[in-house]
Amino acid sequence: MHVVVTGMGVVSPIGIGTDQFWTAAVNGVSGIQRIESFDASGQRSQIAGEIPGFNPAGFLSAKYIEQTDRFTQLALLATSLALEDAGGLDVYAPQRLAVSIGSGMGGFATFEASATRNFRNQPTPPFTVPRTMANSAAAWIAIKHRFKGMNLTCSTACSSGANAIGMALDLLRTGRADAVIAGGAEACVLPLTMTAFEALRALTTGFNTTPTRASRPFAKGRDGFVMSEGAGVLILEKEENAKQRGAKMYARLAGYGQACDATHIVMPEMNGQVAAMRLAITDAGMEPDSIDYINAHATSTPLGDIVETRAIKSLFENRAGDISINATKSMIGHTVGASAAIGSIATIMALHTGIIHPTINLDEADPECDLAYTPNHAQQKNPRNGLCNAFGFGGNNASILFTTLE
């Protein structure tokens, strides 16, 4: 039994909708700019990947807007785009339609705003709890579209979206659903969130005056990641059902691997990353020699990019240098729980179009990062089997494997 992707929706700093996102990605457009959503003049990191022109009033009622956090609104828009792309799922019983969404932080914008009001002895808004809870995005997707099947939320930091997609694969394989709306959403361009990541020395601080140059995975002189917001949603179905309803199919979701470092709460560890990639390949019934493309986690932190490079070398050995690798975060920054969902869309589009989008800002690579990272210009490589990596705090490593339909 094969699982296929029949619809995609993305809301990102470089575009809303797959066509806009992919055109920008292939052309190496950066979506990083100085923060506009709040006064960031007191922050050490004053740049982010914000979504230009996002207006929830354009697709949600005033009631929905009042009761939803921004991350939920991003997820709702990405879902609507994905469903439209898939041609709708009306052929399935509502009880057979599941939702699986990842978010590392949940409704943190609501939490931060309500906490500030409380400290100022102002009334707490009545929808603070339902807006803040991590499962609100998945719940509102189900409510809006009347999906009555299993409704799951995954929160494993930066790997949340990947694990949500992996859980969706398991739901389809075990017959618990006929179709799954799966992906991730995050909206953490916020004063407290960014200050907290600054305290961990995780954010870039050296490119406030040149924001488009700030996110530079694998490059010499990188100094941390760029905080961003976004959402990505996939429509996943069993291939035989998709064919029966005449759906277009982008790619197969063939494998999923997850492994915990069990080593450190924030520092990456190579062996867990190797294990996640190997498990995804094994789960797909394939061998490492089959992989010809990797959408890297590659956040642009000094240590993280080196560890991922070492993990790829460890697993693929003398073939590592032949694999096309790229970093979507070089253009959109780090969308935390949404990153692997958006990265999955980039992976699928690479398989669907044959084009590997560039890793921008890679003029001079770190000497310890010496693989084929597709620097600065897209390449026509026609990959057949691609991994999308996601490695999060807590040592939560996930890798998902997509293949072409042939």
Protein backbone atom coordinates (compact mmCIF):
# COMPACT_ATOMS: atom_id res chain seq x y z
CA MET A 1 0.00 0.00 0.00
CA HIS A 2 1.42 3.36 -1.07
CA VAL A 3 0.62 6.77 0.42
CA VAL A 4 0.63 9.76 -1.91
CA VAL A 5 0.56 13.54 -1.62
CA THR A 6 -2.46 14.93 -3.47
CA GLY A 7 -2.53 18.50 -2.20
CA MET A 8 -0.19 21.09 -0.68
CA GLY A 9 -0.67 24.43 1.01
CA VAL A 10 2.06 26.72 2.25
CA VAL A 11 2.14 30.09 4.01
CA SER A 12 5.70 31.37 4.18
CA PRO A 13 7.85 34.51 4.22
CA ILE A 14 8.56 34.02 0.49
CA GLY A 15 5.05 33.29 -0.65
CA ILE A 16 1.52 32.14 0.09
CA GLY A 17 0.51 29.15 -1.99
CA THR A 18 2.78 26.52 -3.50
CA ASP A 19 3.27 28.27 -6.85
CA GLN A 20 4.39 31.55 -5.29
CA PHE A 21 6.54 29.78 -2.71
CA TRP A 22 8.24 27.52 -5.23
CA THR A 23 8.93 30.26 -7.78
CA ALA A 24 10.61 32.34 -5.08
CA ALA A 25 12.55 29.34 -3.75
CA VAL A 26 13.90 28.35 -7.16
CA ASN A 27 14.98 31.95 -7.74
CA GLY A 28 16.74 32.17 -4.36
CA VAL A 29 14.55 34.95 -2.95
CA SER A 30 15.07 35.78 0.73
CA GLY A 31 12.08 36.49 2.93
CA ILE A 32 14.12 37.81 5.86
CA GLN A 33 13.70 41.46 6.83
CA ARG A 34 13.72 43.76 9.83
CA ILE A 35 10.87 42.93 12.20
CA GLU A 36 7.70 44.91 11.58
CA SER A 37 5.20 43.23 13.92
CA PHE A 38 6.69 44.79 17.07
CA ASP A 39 9.38 47.27 18.08
CA ALA A 40 12.51 45.12 17.96
CA SER A 41 14.99 47.95 18.55
CA GLY A 42 15.80 46.52 21.99
CA GLN A 43 16.44 43.00 20.71
CA ARG A 44 19.88 41.63 19.94
CA SER A 45 18.35 39.94 16.89
CA GLN A 46 16.14 42.44 15.07
CA ILE A 47 15.26 40.46 11.95
CA ALA A 48 12.84 37.66 11.14
CA GLY A 49 10.90 35.86 8.46
CA GLU A 50 7.46 37.45 8.66
CA ILE A 51 4.65 36.79 6.19
CA PRO A 52 3.97 39.89 4.11
CA GLY A 53 0.35 40.68 3.37
CA PHE A 54 -1.13 38.01 5.64
CA ASN A 55 -4.63 39.14 6.62
CA PRO A 56 -6.87 36.60 8.38
CA ALA A 57 -9.91 38.78 7.68
CA GLY A 58 -9.57 37.78 4.06
CA PHE A 59 -10.55 34.18 4.77
CA LEU A 60 -11.84 33.99 8.37
CA SER A 61 -14.89 35.48 10.06
CA ALA A 62 -14.55 37.87 12.99
CA LYS A 63 -15.60 35.01 15.31
CA TYR A 64 -12.78 32.79 14.08
CA ILE A 65 -10.24 35.58 14.41
CA GLU A 66 -11.33 36.35 17.96
CA GLN A 67 -10.96 32.72 19.00
CA THR A 68 -7.72 31.78 17.22
CA ASP A 69 -4.05 32.51 17.69
CA ARG A 70 -1.94 33.52 14.71
CA PHE A 71 -0.38 30.04 14.39
CA THR A 72 -3.88 28.57 14.04
CA GLN A 73 -4.77 31.17 11.43
CA LEU A 74 -1.67 30.25 9.42
CA ALA A 75 -2.60 26.57 9.67
CA LEU A 76 -6.18 27.25 8.57
CA LEU A 77 -5.03 29.12 5.48
CA ALA A 78 -2.47 26.44 4.56
CA THR A 79 -5.17 23.79 4.98
CA SER A 80 -7.65 25.62 2.76
CA LEU A 81 -4.98 25.97 0.07
CA ALA A 82 -4.08 22.27 0.34
CA LEU A 83 -7.69 21.14 0.15
CA GLU A 84 -8.30 23.33 -2.88
CA ASP A 85 -5.18 21.89 -4.50
CA ALA A 86 -6.42 18.36 -3.79
CA GLY A 87 -9.84 19.04 -5.27
CA GLY A 88 -11.61 18.47 -1.96
CA LEU A 89 -12.12 15.29 0.05
CA ASP A 90 -15.90 14.98 -0.17
CA VAL A 91 -15.66 11.38 -1.41
CA TYR A 92 -14.61 10.30 2.07
CA ALA A 93 -16.81 9.92 5.14
CA PRO A 94 -16.03 12.66 7.70
CA GLN A 95 -15.22 9.96 10.27
CA ARG A 96 -12.43 8.71 7.98
CA LEU A 97 -10.70 12.09 7.63
CA ALA A 98 -7.95 12.67 10.16
CA VAL A 99 -5.86 15.71 11.12
CA SER A 100 -2.24 15.61 12.31
CA ILE A 101 -0.57 18.96 12.95
CA GLY A 102 2.75 19.82 14.56
CA SER A 103 3.68 22.94 16.52
CA GLY A 104 6.63 23.50 18.77
CA MET A 105 5.24 26.49 20.67
CA GLY A 106 1.48 26.53 19.99
CA GLY A 107 -0.39 29.74 20.66
CA PHE A 108 2.54 31.59 22.17
CA ALA A 109 1.44 34.95 20.81
CA THR A 110 -1.73 34.69 22.87
CA PHE A 111 0.19 33.50 25.92
CA GLU A 112 2.63 36.39 25.72
CA ALA A 113 -0.09 39.00 25.16
CA SER A 114 -2.32 37.65 27.95
CA ALA A 115 0.60 37.42 30.38
CA THR A 116 1.49 41.04 29.64
CA ARG A 117 -2.12 42.09 30.32
CA ASN A 118 -2.09 40.16 33.59
CA PHE A 119 1.13 41.85 34.75
CA ARG A 120 -0.55 45.20 34.05
CA ASN A 121 -3.65 44.19 36.03
CA GLN A 122 -5.76 44.20 32.88
CA PRO A 123 -8.53 41.63 32.24
CA THR A 124 -7.49 38.29 30.75
CA PRO A 125 -9.21 37.68 27.39
CA PRO A 126 -11.79 34.87 27.66
CA PHE A 127 -10.33 32.78 24.84
CA THR A 128 -6.79 32.74 26.24
CA VAL A 129 -6.76 29.02 26.98
CA PRO A 130 -8.31 27.71 23.73
CA ARG A 131 -6.13 30.09 21.70
CA THR A 132 -2.95 29.06 23.53
CA MET A 133 -3.34 25.28 23.63
CA ALA A 134 -1.08 23.45 21.20
CA ASN A 135 -3.91 21.39 19.70
CA SER A 136 -6.00 24.42 18.76
CA ALA A 137 -4.78 24.45 15.13
CA ALA A 138 -5.72 20.80 14.56
CA ALA A 139 -9.03 21.29 16.37
CA TRP A 140 -10.01 24.36 14.34
CA ILE A 141 -9.10 22.62 11.08
CA ALA A 142 -11.48 19.83 12.04
CA ILE A 143 -14.22 22.24 13.11
CA LYS A 144 -13.98 24.39 9.99
CA HIS A 145 -14.03 21.45 7.58
CA ARG A 146 -16.06 18.93 9.63
CA PHE A 147 -13.31 16.32 9.77
CA LYS A 148 -14.46 13.84 12.42
CA GLY A 149 -11.66 11.28 12.35
CA MET A 150 -8.60 11.12 14.57
CA ASN A 151 -7.30 14.54 15.55
CA LEU A 152 -3.67 14.64 16.65
CA THR A 153 -1.12 17.25 17.65
CA CYS A 154 2.61 16.68 17.83
CA SER A 155 4.93 18.97 19.76
CA THR A 156 8.56 17.94 19.49
CA ALA A 157 10.18 21.34 19.03
CA CYS A 158 11.72 21.80 15.57
CA SER A 159 10.77 18.28 14.43
CA SER A 160 7.05 18.73 15.20
CA GLY A 161 5.94 19.02 11.58
CA ALA A 162 7.97 15.99 10.49
CA ASN A 163 6.59 13.83 13.27
CA ALA A 164 3.04 14.98 12.52
CA ILE A 165 3.51 13.88 8.90
CA GLY A 166 5.05 10.62 10.09
CA MET A 167 2.09 9.97 12.39
CA ALA A 168 -0.20 10.61 9.41
CA LEU A 169 1.65 7.93 7.45
CA ASP A 170 1.08 5.50 10.32
CA LEU A 171 -2.65 6.35 10.42
CA LEU A 172 -3.04 5.51 6.75
CA ARG A 173 -0.95 2.35 6.91
CA THR A 174 -2.92 0.99 9.86
CA GLY A 175 -6.27 1.79 8.28
CA ARG A 176 -7.29 4.34 10.90
CA ALA A 177 -7.99 6.94 8.22
CA ASP A 178 -8.62 7.21 4.48
CA ALA A 179 -7.02 10.64 4.17
CA VAL A 180 -5.02 12.84 6.55
CA ILE A 181 -4.46 16.58 6.67
CA ALA A 182 -0.91 16.76 7.98
CA GLY A 183 1.71 19.42 8.54
CA GLY A 184 2.88 22.11 10.94
CA ALA A 185 2.35 25.72 11.93
CA GLU A 186 4.22 28.27 14.04
CA ALA A 187 4.05 31.99 14.83
CA CYS A 188 6.86 32.88 17.20
CA VAL A 189 8.19 36.21 15.96
CA LEU A 190 7.55 37.64 19.42
CA PRO A 191 9.56 39.65 21.98
CA LEU A 192 9.66 37.01 24.73
CA THR A 193 10.30 34.09 22.40
CA MET A 194 13.13 35.86 20.66
CA THR A 195 14.65 37.11 23.90
CA ALA A 196 14.61 33.54 25.23
CA PHE A 197 16.31 32.16 22.12
CA GLU A 198 18.82 35.01 22.31
CA ALA A 199 19.62 33.92 25.87
CA LEU A 200 20.50 30.49 24.47
CA ARG A 201 22.71 32.24 21.88
CA ALA A 202 20.75 30.45 19.16
CA LEU A 203 19.70 33.48 17.06
CA THR A 204 21.78 35.42 14.57
CA THR A 205 22.79 38.87 15.82
CA GLY A 206 25.40 39.95 13.29
CA PHE A 207 23.20 40.76 10.30
CA ASN A 208 20.63 43.24 11.61
CA THR A 209 21.56 45.73 8.89
CA THR A 210 21.75 43.11 6.12
CA PRO A 211 18.81 40.79 6.90
CA THR A 212 18.69 38.96 3.57
CA ARG A 213 22.25 37.74 4.25
CA ALA A 214 21.52 36.53 7.77
CA SER A 215 20.32 32.96 7.22
CA ARG A 216 23.36 31.19 5.84
CA PRO A 217 23.34 27.42 6.41
CA PHE A 218 26.70 25.72 5.99
CA ALA A 219 28.42 29.06 5.29
CA LYS A 220 31.53 30.40 6.95
CA GLY A 221 30.64 33.15 9.42
CA ARG A 222 27.10 31.99 10.24
CA ASP A 223 26.12 32.91 13.78
CA GLY A 224 22.68 31.49 14.47
CA PHE A 225 19.23 31.01 13.02
CA VAL A 226 16.60 33.55 11.99
CA MET A 227 13.24 33.27 13.76
CA SER A 228 10.36 32.92 11.31
CA GLU A 229 6.67 32.09 11.05
CA GLY A 230 4.72 29.94 8.64
CA ALA A 231 2.66 26.84 7.97
CA GLY A 232 2.74 23.90 5.60
CA VAL A 233 0.01 21.32 5.07
CA LEU A 234 -0.08 18.15 2.98
CA ILE A 235 -3.11 16.10 1.91
CA LEU A 236 -2.15 12.43 2.21
CA GLU A 237 -4.17 9.54 0.80
CA LYS A 238 -3.80 5.90 -0.11
CA GLU A 239 -2.67 5.76 -3.72
CA GLU A 240 -5.45 3.43 -4.86
CA ASN A 241 -8.08 5.77 -3.42
CA ALA A 242 -6.45 8.82 -4.96
CA LYS A 243 -6.45 7.14 -8.37
CA GLN A 244 -10.06 6.12 -7.96
CA ARG A 245 -11.19 9.69 -7.34
CA GLY A 246 -9.02 11.00 -10.16
CA ALA A 247 -6.74 13.08 -7.94
CA LYS A 248 -3.43 14.45 -9.17
CA MET A 249 -0.51 13.01 -7.28
CA TYR A 250 2.76 14.83 -6.56
CA ALA A 251 4.86 12.14 -4.90
CA ARG A 252 4.76 9.19 -2.54
CA LEU A 253 5.37 9.45 1.18
CA ALA A 254 7.40 6.28 1.50
CA GLY A 255 9.15 6.27 4.88
CA TYR A 256 9.42 7.81 8.33
CA GLY A 257 12.12 7.53 10.95
CA GLN A 258 12.32 8.96 14.46
CA ALA A 259 15.05 8.66 17.07
CA CYS A 260 15.95 10.46 20.27
CA ASP A 261 19.52 11.44 21.10
CA ALA A 262 18.82 11.02 24.82
CA THR A 263 21.97 13.10 25.31
CA HIS A 264 21.30 16.83 25.73
CA ILE A 265 18.22 19.04 25.82
CA VAL A 266 19.47 21.58 23.25
CA MET A 267 22.75 20.38 21.70
CA PRO A 268 22.53 18.12 18.62
CA GLU A 269 24.14 14.69 18.55
CA MET A 270 25.16 12.90 15.37
CA ASN A 271 24.12 9.33 16.12
CA GLY A 272 20.47 10.20 16.68
CA GLN A 273 20.36 12.00 13.34
CA VAL A 274 21.96 9.05 11.58
CA ALA A 275 19.42 6.73 13.20
CA ALA A 276 16.43 8.82 12.11
CA MET A 277 17.59 8.91 8.48
CA ARG A 278 18.44 5.21 8.45
CA LEU A 279 15.05 4.31 9.97
CA ALA A 280 13.19 6.34 7.35
CA ILE A 281 15.09 4.59 4.55
CA THR A 282 14.50 1.16 6.09
CA ASP A 283 10.83 1.96 6.67
CA ALA A 284 10.50 2.64 2.94
CA GLY A 285 12.07 -0.72 2.13
CA MET A 286 15.05 0.99 0.52
CA GLU A 287 18.82 1.21 0.92
CA PRO A 288 20.94 4.33 1.53
CA ASP A 289 22.28 4.06 -2.02
CA SER A 290 18.80 5.01 -3.29
CA ILE A 291 18.84 8.51 -1.79
CA ASP A 292 19.85 11.24 -4.23
CA TYR A 293 18.48 14.35 -2.48
CA ILE A 294 18.27 15.70 1.08
CA ASN A 295 16.35 18.75 2.25
CA ALA A 296 18.54 19.47 5.25
CA HIS A 297 17.43 20.69 8.66
CA ALA A 298 20.31 23.19 8.40
CA THR A 299 19.23 26.06 10.64
CA SER A 300 22.42 28.15 10.22
CA THR A 301 23.75 27.57 13.73
CA PRO A 302 27.53 27.07 14.00
CA LEU A 303 27.30 23.60 15.57
CA GLY A 304 24.09 22.26 14.07
CA ASP A 305 25.12 22.45 10.42
CA ILE A 306 28.40 20.68 11.16
CA VAL A 307 26.69 17.87 13.07
CA GLU A 308 24.17 17.31 10.26
CA THR A 309 27.00 17.24 7.72
CA ARG A 310 28.81 14.63 9.80
CA ALA A 311 25.60 12.59 10.12
CA ILE A 312 25.11 12.55 6.35
CA LYS A 313 28.73 11.49 5.87
CA SER A 314 28.42 8.79 8.49
CA LEU A 315 25.32 7.24 6.94
CA PHE A 316 26.09 7.60 3.24
CA GLU A 317 29.88 7.22 3.49
CA ASN A 318 31.63 7.67 0.12
CA ARG A 319 28.32 8.56 -1.60
CA ALA A 320 27.67 11.58 0.64
CA GLY A 321 29.34 14.00 -1.77
CA ASP A 322 27.15 12.82 -4.66
CA ILE A 323 23.85 13.62 -2.93
CA SER A 324 22.20 16.95 -3.77
CA ILE A 325 21.51 18.84 -0.53
CA ASN A 326 19.80 22.16 0.07
CA ALA A 327 18.52 24.30 2.92
CA THR A 328 15.09 25.91 2.58
CA LYS A 329 15.81 27.86 5.77
CA SER A 330 18.43 29.91 3.92
CA MET A 331 15.50 31.80 2.38
CA ILE A 332 12.69 31.58 4.95
CA GLY A 333 14.54 31.25 8.26
CA HIS A 334 13.52 28.76 10.93
CA THR A 335 9.77 28.26 11.30
CA VAL A 336 10.31 25.84 14.20
CA GLY A 337 7.37 23.38 14.28
CA ALA A 338 6.39 24.26 10.70
CA SER A 339 9.88 23.90 9.26
CA ALA A 340 9.72 20.26 8.18
CA ALA A 341 6.21 20.70 6.78
CA ILE A 342 7.44 23.54 4.57
CA GLY A 343 10.64 21.59 3.90
CA SER A 344 8.52 18.62 2.84
CA ILE A 345 6.77 20.78 0.26
CA ALA A 346 10.18 21.87 -1.06
CA THR A 347 11.24 18.21 -1.17
CA ILE A 348 8.08 17.14 -2.99
CA MET A 349 8.43 19.97 -5.51
CA ALA A 350 12.05 18.97 -6.14
CA LEU A 351 10.88 15.46 -7.01
CA HIS A 352 7.89 16.76 -8.98
CA THR A 353 9.80 19.32 -11.06
CA GLY A 354 13.33 17.89 -11.04
CA ILE A 355 14.71 21.18 -9.71
CA ILE A 356 16.77 21.52 -6.52
CA HIS A 357 16.29 25.02 -5.16
CA PRO A 358 19.45 26.81 -4.02
CA THR A 359 20.95 27.26 -0.59
CA ILE A 360 21.48 31.01 -0.70
CA ASN A 361 24.21 33.03 1.04
CA LEU A 362 26.66 30.20 0.51
CA ASP A 363 29.55 32.12 -1.03
CA GLU A 364 32.18 30.42 1.12
CA ALA A 365 31.39 27.18 2.92
CA ASP A 366 32.53 26.31 6.41
CA PRO A 367 35.59 24.04 5.97
CA GLU A 368 33.77 21.39 8.00
CA CYS A 369 30.73 21.60 5.71
CA ASP A 370 32.02 20.19 2.44
CA LEU A 371 29.09 18.47 0.71
CA ALA A 372 27.02 19.44 -2.35
CA TYR A 373 24.69 22.05 -0.83
CA THR A 374 23.42 23.58 -4.14
CA PRO A 375 25.04 26.98 -3.50
CA ASN A 376 23.21 30.13 -4.66
CA HIS A 377 21.71 28.77 -7.88
CA ALA A 378 19.03 26.15 -8.56
CA GLN A 379 20.10 22.96 -10.29
CA GLN A 380 18.18 20.60 -12.57
CA LYS A 381 19.02 17.24 -11.02
CA ASN A 382 15.82 15.17 -11.44
CA PRO A 383 16.03 13.45 -8.03
CA ARG A 384 13.94 10.35 -7.44
CA ASN A 385 14.17 9.79 -3.67
CA GLY A 386 14.46 12.62 -1.16
CA LEU A 387 14.82 12.85 2.60
CA CYS A 388 13.52 15.81 4.59
CA ASN A 389 15.35 16.15 7.91
CA ALA A 390 14.10 17.75 11.12
CA PHE A 391 16.17 17.77 14.30
CA GLY A 392 14.73 19.46 17.39
CA PHE A 393 15.48 20.41 20.97
CA GLY A 394 15.10 17.46 23.30
CA GLY A 395 17.13 15.37 20.87
CA ASN A 396 14.02 14.71 18.79
CA ASN A 397 15.25 13.66 15.36
CA ALA A 398 12.88 12.86 12.51
CA SER A 399 13.35 12.14 8.84
CA ILE A 400 10.69 11.57 6.20
CA LEU A 401 11.27 10.03 2.80
CA PHE A 402 9.44 11.02 -0.37
CA THR A 403 9.80 9.31 -3.75
CA THR A 404 8.70 9.99 -7.31
CA LEU A 405 5.63 8.15 -8.58
CA GLU A 406 7.43 6.10 -11.23
